[in-house]
Amino acid sequence: MRVLLAGLILALAAMGSSHAGQDEAEAVPPPGDSASDEPLDLKGCSACTLRHQDLARRREELEAAKEARGDCRIKGDINKDGERLYHRPGEPTYEWAWISEAKGERWFCSVDEAEAAGWRAAE
């Protein structure tokens, strides 16, 4: 065990010595570091790009939903079992329900309107 630990310490010391000749004034922090003036470059980060695209798409969907619903705030959601449920503002499930008109989901202006259309209250 001691031999393994000693080998690890030597390997770490060797890695650190690769910058041994570098002057402290020459040391450059990585881009995006708080000590650096350079912005963080995410061009090569595919996960970051995908996340950014997903957020941009979600923002567009939310803006379209605001236009589509007008003053109607009751969400008509279709769950994975095909059940048509409505969610009222303030209910625990309201924030988790996302409306996709492409799937047949919609907005309602009243509970009566939702029930007349065949939707039931979420539990």
C-alpha atoms as a PDB file:
ATOM      1  CA  MET A   1       0.000   0.000   0.000  1.00  0.00           C
ATOM      2  CA  ARG A   2       2.846   2.374   0.881  1.00  0.00           C
ATOM      3  CA  VAL A   3       4.545   1.603  -2.423  1.00  0.00           C
ATOM      4  CA  LEU A   4       1.346   2.455  -4.307  1.00  0.00           C
ATOM      5  CA  LEU A   5       0.928   5.705  -2.383  1.00  0.00           C
ATOM      6  CA  ALA A   6       4.583   6.645  -2.936  1.00  0.00           C
ATOM      7  CA  GLY A   7       4.199   5.966  -6.682  1.00  0.00           C
ATOM      8  CA  LEU A   8       1.110   8.180  -6.794  1.00  0.00           C
ATOM      9  CA  ILE A   9       2.914  11.001  -5.013  1.00  0.00           C
ATOM     10  CA  LEU A  10       5.847  10.750  -7.443  1.00  0.00           C
ATOM     11  CA  ALA A  11       3.487  10.791 -10.435  1.00  0.00           C
ATOM     12  CA  LEU A  12       1.688  13.883  -9.126  1.00  0.00           C
ATOM     13  CA  ALA A  13       5.009  15.600  -8.438  1.00  0.00           C
ATOM     14  CA  ALA A  14       6.162  14.853 -11.978  1.00  0.00           C
ATOM     15  CA  MET A  15       2.965  16.313 -13.421  1.00  0.00           C
ATOM     16  CA  GLY A  16       3.404  19.466 -11.351  1.00  0.00           C
ATOM     17  CA  SER A  17       7.017  19.871 -12.407  1.00  0.00           C
ATOM     18  CA  SER A  18       6.050  20.227 -16.083  1.00  0.00           C
ATOM     19  CA  HIS A  19       5.340  23.886 -15.278  1.00  0.00           C
ATOM     20  CA  ALA A  20       8.344  24.252 -12.976  1.00  0.00           C
ATOM     21  CA  GLY A  21      10.211  26.582 -15.321  1.00  0.00           C
ATOM     22  CA  GLN A  22       7.225  28.861 -15.787  1.00  0.00           C
ATOM     23  CA  ASP A  23       7.417  32.188 -14.009  1.00  0.00           C
ATOM     24  CA  GLU A  24       4.431  33.043 -11.797  1.00  0.00           C
ATOM     25  CA  ALA A  25       3.888  36.245 -13.813  1.00  0.00           C
ATOM     26  CA  GLU A  26       3.608  34.137 -16.976  1.00  0.00           C
ATOM     27  CA  ALA A  27       0.953  31.815 -15.536  1.00  0.00           C
ATOM     28  CA  VAL A  28      -2.319  32.404 -17.369  1.00  0.00           C
ATOM     29  CA  PRO A  29      -5.587  31.376 -15.733  1.00  0.00           C
ATOM     30  CA  PRO A  30      -7.975  29.326 -17.852  1.00  0.00           C
ATOM     31  CA  PRO A  31     -10.644  31.211 -19.838  1.00  0.00           C
ATOM     32  CA  GLY A  32     -13.678  31.999 -17.725  1.00  0.00           C
ATOM     33  CA  ASP A  33     -11.633  31.926 -14.504  1.00  0.00           C
ATOM     34  CA  SER A  34     -12.520  34.785 -12.179  1.00  0.00           C
ATOM     35  CA  ALA A  35      -8.944  36.069 -12.510  1.00  0.00           C
ATOM     36  CA  SER A  36      -9.215  36.125 -16.299  1.00  0.00           C
ATOM     37  CA  ASP A  37     -10.757  38.852 -18.437  1.00  0.00           C
ATOM     38  CA  GLU A  38     -11.512  36.366 -21.236  1.00  0.00           C
ATOM     39  CA  PRO A  39     -15.087  35.061 -21.557  1.00  0.00           C
ATOM     40  CA  LEU A  40     -15.599  31.328 -21.295  1.00  0.00           C
ATOM     41  CA  ASP A  41     -15.461  29.796 -24.790  1.00  0.00           C
ATOM     42  CA  LEU A  42     -18.099  27.074 -25.149  1.00  0.00           C
ATOM     43  CA  LYS A  43     -17.757  26.570 -28.922  1.00  0.00           C
ATOM     44  CA  GLY A  44     -16.329  23.069 -28.546  1.00  0.00           C
ATOM     45  CA  CYS A  45     -18.806  21.990 -25.879  1.00  0.00           C
ATOM     46  CA  SER A  46     -21.593  20.056 -27.602  1.00  0.00           C
ATOM     47  CA  ALA A  47     -23.457  19.481 -24.321  1.00  0.00           C
ATOM     48  CA  CYS A  48     -23.437  23.237 -23.659  1.00  0.00           C
ATOM     49  CA  THR A  49     -24.652  23.965 -27.184  1.00  0.00           C
ATOM     50  CA  LEU A  50     -27.479  21.448 -26.878  1.00  0.00           C
ATOM     51  CA  ARG A  51     -28.490  22.864 -23.482  1.00  0.00           C
ATOM     52  CA  HIS A  52     -28.502  26.388 -24.911  1.00  0.00           C
ATOM     53  CA  GLN A  53     -30.624  25.276 -27.888  1.00  0.00           C
ATOM     54  CA  ASP A  54     -33.034  23.471 -25.558  1.00  0.00           C
ATOM     55  CA  LEU A  55     -33.425  26.576 -23.389  1.00  0.00           C
ATOM     56  CA  ALA A  56     -33.959  28.779 -26.448  1.00  0.00           C
ATOM     57  CA  ARG A  57     -36.605  26.374 -27.801  1.00  0.00           C
ATOM     58  CA  ARG A  58     -38.331  26.237 -24.402  1.00  0.00           C
ATOM     59  CA  ARG A  59     -38.364  30.056 -24.218  1.00  0.00           C
ATOM     60  CA  GLU A  60     -40.033  30.194 -27.655  1.00  0.00           C
ATOM     61  CA  GLU A  61     -42.613  27.595 -26.566  1.00  0.00           C
ATOM     62  CA  LEU A  62     -43.452  29.602 -23.447  1.00  0.00           C
ATOM     63  CA  GLU A  63     -43.919  32.798 -25.449  1.00  0.00           C
ATOM     64  CA  ALA A  64     -46.176  30.969 -27.932  1.00  0.00           C
ATOM     65  CA  ALA A  65     -48.165  29.499 -25.030  1.00  0.00           C
ATOM     66  CA  LYS A  66     -48.737  32.955 -23.541  1.00  0.00           C
ATOM     67  CA  GLU A  67     -50.147  34.145 -26.853  1.00  0.00           C
ATOM     68  CA  ALA A  68     -52.301  31.031 -27.317  1.00  0.00           C
ATOM     69  CA  ARG A  69     -53.847  31.102 -23.858  1.00  0.00           C
ATOM     70  CA  GLY A  70     -54.642  34.796 -23.611  1.00  0.00           C
ATOM     71  CA  ASP A  71     -56.291  35.155 -20.210  1.00  0.00           C
ATOM     72  CA  CYS A  72     -57.131  31.443 -20.009  1.00  0.00           C
ATOM     73  CA  ARG A  73     -54.912  29.932 -17.332  1.00  0.00           C
ATOM     74  CA  ILE A  74     -56.250  26.386 -16.854  1.00  0.00           C
ATOM     75  CA  LYS A  75     -53.941  23.829 -18.441  1.00  0.00           C
ATOM     76  CA  GLY A  76     -55.494  20.929 -20.347  1.00  0.00           C
ATOM     77  CA  ASP A  77     -52.848  18.201 -20.236  1.00  0.00           C
ATOM     78  CA  ILE A  78     -52.855  14.670 -21.683  1.00  0.00           C
ATOM     79  CA  ASN A  79     -50.896  12.252 -19.517  1.00  0.00           C
ATOM     80  CA  LYS A  80     -48.906   9.198 -20.654  1.00  0.00           C
ATOM     81  CA  ASP A  81     -52.011   7.002 -20.320  1.00  0.00           C
ATOM     82  CA  GLY A  82     -53.994   9.311 -22.631  1.00  0.00           C
ATOM     83  CA  GLU A  83     -56.119  10.742 -19.811  1.00  0.00           C
ATOM     84  CA  ARG A  84     -57.241  14.338 -20.331  1.00  0.00           C
ATOM     85  CA  LEU A  85     -56.624  16.271 -17.122  1.00  0.00           C
ATOM     86  CA  TYR A  86     -56.920  19.933 -16.292  1.00  0.00           C
ATOM     87  CA  HIS A  87     -54.709  21.790 -13.840  1.00  0.00           C
ATOM     88  CA  ARG A  88     -55.679  25.058 -12.139  1.00  0.00           C
ATOM     89  CA  PRO A  89     -53.164  27.716 -11.043  1.00  0.00           C
ATOM     90  CA  GLY A  90     -52.032  27.127  -7.476  1.00  0.00           C
ATOM     91  CA  GLU A  91     -52.431  23.342  -7.612  1.00  0.00           C
ATOM     92  CA  PRO A  92     -49.278  21.277  -6.953  1.00  0.00           C
ATOM     93  CA  THR A  93     -49.348  19.761 -10.453  1.00  0.00           C
ATOM     94  CA  TYR A  94     -49.871  23.065 -12.274  1.00  0.00           C
ATOM     95  CA  GLU A  95     -46.197  24.012 -12.658  1.00  0.00           C
ATOM     96  CA  TRP A  96     -45.267  20.530 -13.882  1.00  0.00           C
ATOM     97  CA  ALA A  97     -47.858  20.399 -16.636  1.00  0.00           C
ATOM     98  CA  TRP A  98     -46.497  21.585 -20.017  1.00  0.00           C
ATOM     99  CA  ILE A  99     -48.971  22.264 -22.792  1.00  0.00           C
ATOM    100  CA  SER A 100     -48.180  20.948 -26.253  1.00  0.00           C
ATOM    101  CA  GLU A 101     -50.870  21.869 -28.735  1.00  0.00           C
ATOM    102  CA  ALA A 102     -49.254  19.468 -31.213  1.00  0.00           C
ATOM    103  CA  LYS A 103     -50.270  16.613 -28.847  1.00  0.00           C
ATOM    104  CA  GLY A 104     -53.830  17.945 -28.528  1.00  0.00           C
ATOM    105  CA  GLU A 105     -53.298  19.691 -25.216  1.00  0.00           C
ATOM    106  CA  ARG A 106     -54.885  23.093 -24.719  1.00  0.00           C
ATOM    107  CA  TRP A 107     -55.780  25.998 -22.470  1.00  0.00           C
ATOM    108  CA  PHE A 108     -59.173  26.534 -20.835  1.00  0.00           C
ATOM    109  CA  CYS A 109     -60.733  29.692 -19.448  1.00  0.00           C
ATOM    110  CA  SER A 110     -62.925  27.936 -16.870  1.00  0.00           C
ATOM    111  CA  VAL A 111     -63.451  24.602 -15.164  1.00  0.00           C
ATOM    112  CA  ASP A 112     -66.880  24.354 -16.816  1.00  0.00           C
ATOM    113  CA  GLU A 113     -65.287  24.761 -20.252  1.00  0.00           C
ATOM    114  CA  ALA A 114     -62.698  22.039 -19.508  1.00  0.00           C
ATOM    115  CA  GLU A 115     -65.291  19.577 -18.198  1.00  0.00           C
ATOM    116  CA  ALA A 116     -67.654  20.283 -21.107  1.00  0.00           C
ATOM    117  CA  ALA A 117     -64.771  19.360 -23.439  1.00  0.00           C
ATOM    118  CA  GLY A 118     -64.346  16.004 -21.633  1.00  0.00           C
ATOM    119  CA  TRP A 119     -61.401  16.801 -19.356  1.00  0.00           C
ATOM    120  CA  ARG A 120     -61.351  16.008 -15.628  1.00  0.00           C
ATOM    121  CA  ALA A 121     -59.568  17.559 -12.667  1.00  0.00           C
ATOM    122  CA  ALA A 122     -56.055  16.316 -11.932  1.00  0.00           C
ATOM    123  CA  GLU A 123     -55.743  14.522  -8.605  1.00  0.00           C
END
